[in-house]
Amino acid sequence: MTDNIIGTADTDHVLAAQKALVNAFFDLHLKGIPQEILMGGALPYREALIIN
């Protein structure tokens, strides 16, 4: 029953995706460093969806 709440994605993969996307967000918005992962490039995490 908890699979519906938590999901079945691989934990290591989810954490890697979160880390990459959060780091890219802050690098872009706080440091002004363009981030391909956020600019419509190929997103290496197909589970994630970038919404503008």
N, C-alpha and C. Protein backbone atom coordinates (compact mmCIF):
# COMPACT_ATOMS: atom_id res chain seq x y z
N MET A 1 0.81 -1.20 0.00
CA MET A 1 0.00 0.00 0.00
C MET A 1 0.85 1.26 0.00
N THR A 2 2.00 1.24 0.65
CA THR A 2 2.83 2.44 0.69
C THR A 2 3.47 2.77 -0.65
N ASP A 3 3.51 1.81 -1.59
CA ASP A 3 4.06 2.10 -2.91
C ASP A 3 3.31 3.23 -3.60
N ASN A 4 2.01 3.33 -3.37
CA ASN A 4 1.21 4.39 -3.99
C ASN A 4 1.56 5.76 -3.42
N ILE A 5 2.02 5.80 -2.19
CA ILE A 5 2.36 7.07 -1.56
C ILE A 5 3.82 7.43 -1.85
N ILE A 6 4.70 6.48 -1.71
CA ILE A 6 6.13 6.73 -1.81
C ILE A 6 6.62 6.57 -3.25
N GLY A 7 6.12 5.62 -3.95
CA GLY A 7 6.55 5.36 -5.32
C GLY A 7 7.51 4.18 -5.37
N THR A 8 7.89 3.82 -6.57
CA THR A 8 8.74 2.66 -6.75
C THR A 8 10.06 3.00 -7.43
N ALA A 9 10.34 4.29 -7.58
CA ALA A 9 11.58 4.70 -8.24
C ALA A 9 12.78 4.33 -7.38
N ASP A 10 13.90 4.09 -8.03
CA ASP A 10 15.14 3.78 -7.35
C ASP A 10 15.59 5.00 -6.52
N THR A 11 15.79 4.80 -5.24
CA THR A 11 16.12 5.90 -4.33
C THR A 11 17.39 6.63 -4.73
N ASP A 12 18.42 5.91 -5.09
CA ASP A 12 19.68 6.55 -5.48
C ASP A 12 19.50 7.42 -6.71
N HIS A 13 18.71 6.94 -7.66
CA HIS A 13 18.46 7.70 -8.89
C HIS A 13 17.66 8.97 -8.59
N VAL A 14 16.66 8.86 -7.73
CA VAL A 14 15.84 10.01 -7.37
C VAL A 14 16.69 11.06 -6.65
N LEU A 15 17.52 10.63 -5.72
CA LEU A 15 18.38 11.57 -4.99
C LEU A 15 19.38 12.25 -5.92
N ALA A 16 19.93 11.51 -6.86
CA ALA A 16 20.86 12.10 -7.83
C ALA A 16 20.15 13.15 -8.68
N ALA A 17 18.93 12.87 -9.10
CA ALA A 17 18.16 13.82 -9.90
C ALA A 17 17.85 15.06 -9.09
N GLN A 18 17.42 14.90 -7.85
CA GLN A 18 17.12 16.04 -7.00
C GLN A 18 18.36 16.90 -6.79
N LYS A 19 19.46 16.28 -6.50
CA LYS A 19 20.70 17.02 -6.26
C LYS A 19 21.12 17.81 -7.50
N ALA A 20 21.08 17.16 -8.66
CA ALA A 20 21.49 17.82 -9.89
C ALA A 20 20.58 19.00 -10.23
N LEU A 21 19.28 18.81 -10.09
CA LEU A 21 18.33 19.87 -10.45
C LEU A 21 18.35 21.03 -9.45
N VAL A 22 18.45 20.74 -8.17
CA VAL A 22 18.50 21.80 -7.17
C VAL A 22 19.81 22.59 -7.31
N ASN A 23 20.92 21.89 -7.49
CA ASN A 23 22.20 22.58 -7.68
C ASN A 23 22.18 23.46 -8.93
N ALA A 24 21.61 22.94 -10.00
CA ALA A 24 21.52 23.72 -11.24
C ALA A 24 20.65 24.96 -11.05
N PHE A 25 19.55 24.81 -10.34
CA PHE A 25 18.66 25.94 -10.07
C PHE A 25 19.40 27.05 -9.33
N PHE A 26 20.11 26.69 -8.26
CA PHE A 26 20.81 27.71 -7.48
C PHE A 26 22.01 28.27 -8.22
N ASP A 27 22.72 27.45 -8.99
CA ASP A 27 23.82 27.98 -9.78
C ASP A 27 23.32 29.00 -10.80
N LEU A 28 22.16 28.73 -11.38
CA LEU A 28 21.59 29.66 -12.35
C LEU A 28 21.11 30.94 -11.69
N HIS A 29 20.31 30.81 -10.65
CA HIS A 29 19.64 31.98 -10.09
C HIS A 29 20.47 32.75 -9.07
N LEU A 30 21.41 32.13 -8.41
CA LEU A 30 22.23 32.84 -7.43
C LEU A 30 23.61 33.22 -7.97
N LYS A 31 24.15 32.37 -8.82
CA LYS A 31 25.50 32.63 -9.34
C LYS A 31 25.48 33.15 -10.77
N GLY A 32 24.33 33.04 -11.44
CA GLY A 32 24.22 33.51 -12.82
C GLY A 32 24.92 32.62 -13.83
N ILE A 33 25.18 31.38 -13.46
CA ILE A 33 25.84 30.43 -14.36
C ILE A 33 24.78 29.68 -15.16
N PRO A 34 24.73 29.85 -16.49
CA PRO A 34 23.74 29.14 -17.29
C PRO A 34 23.83 27.62 -17.09
N GLN A 35 22.68 26.98 -17.05
CA GLN A 35 22.60 25.55 -16.79
C GLN A 35 21.84 24.87 -17.92
N GLU A 36 22.54 24.09 -18.70
CA GLU A 36 21.94 23.39 -19.83
C GLU A 36 20.78 22.51 -19.39
N ILE A 37 20.92 21.89 -18.23
CA ILE A 37 19.89 20.97 -17.73
C ILE A 37 18.55 21.69 -17.53
N LEU A 38 18.59 23.01 -17.29
CA LEU A 38 17.37 23.78 -17.07
C LEU A 38 16.94 24.57 -18.30
N MET A 39 17.75 24.59 -19.33
CA MET A 39 17.48 25.43 -20.49
C MET A 39 16.94 24.65 -21.69
N GLY A 40 16.24 23.60 -21.44
CA GLY A 40 15.62 22.86 -22.53
C GLY A 40 16.53 21.84 -23.18
N GLY A 41 17.68 21.61 -22.60
CA GLY A 41 18.56 20.58 -23.13
C GLY A 41 18.00 19.21 -22.79
N ALA A 42 18.71 18.21 -23.18
CA ALA A 42 18.28 16.85 -22.88
C ALA A 42 18.33 16.62 -21.37
N LEU A 43 17.21 16.38 -20.78
CA LEU A 43 17.13 16.14 -19.35
C LEU A 43 17.49 14.69 -19.08
N PRO A 44 18.57 14.45 -18.32
CA PRO A 44 19.01 13.07 -18.10
C PRO A 44 18.10 12.28 -17.17
N TYR A 45 17.11 12.95 -16.60
CA TYR A 45 16.19 12.28 -15.67
C TYR A 45 14.80 12.32 -16.29
N ARG A 46 14.42 11.27 -16.95
CA ARG A 46 13.12 11.27 -17.67
C ARG A 46 11.94 11.32 -16.72
N GLU A 47 12.17 11.05 -15.44
CA GLU A 47 11.10 11.13 -14.46
C GLU A 47 10.76 12.57 -14.10
N ALA A 48 11.70 13.48 -14.36
CA ALA A 48 11.52 14.89 -14.01
C ALA A 48 10.96 15.65 -15.20
N LEU A 49 10.19 16.67 -14.90
CA LEU A 49 9.60 17.51 -15.93
C LEU A 49 9.87 18.96 -15.57
N ILE A 50 10.52 19.70 -16.45
CA ILE A 50 10.79 21.11 -16.23
C ILE A 50 9.60 21.90 -16.75
N ILE A 51 8.99 22.68 -15.86
CA ILE A 51 7.84 23.50 -16.24
C ILE A 51 8.26 24.96 -16.15
N ASN A 52 8.14 25.67 -17.26
CA ASN A 52 8.50 27.10 -17.26
C ASN A 52 7.31 27.95 -16.90
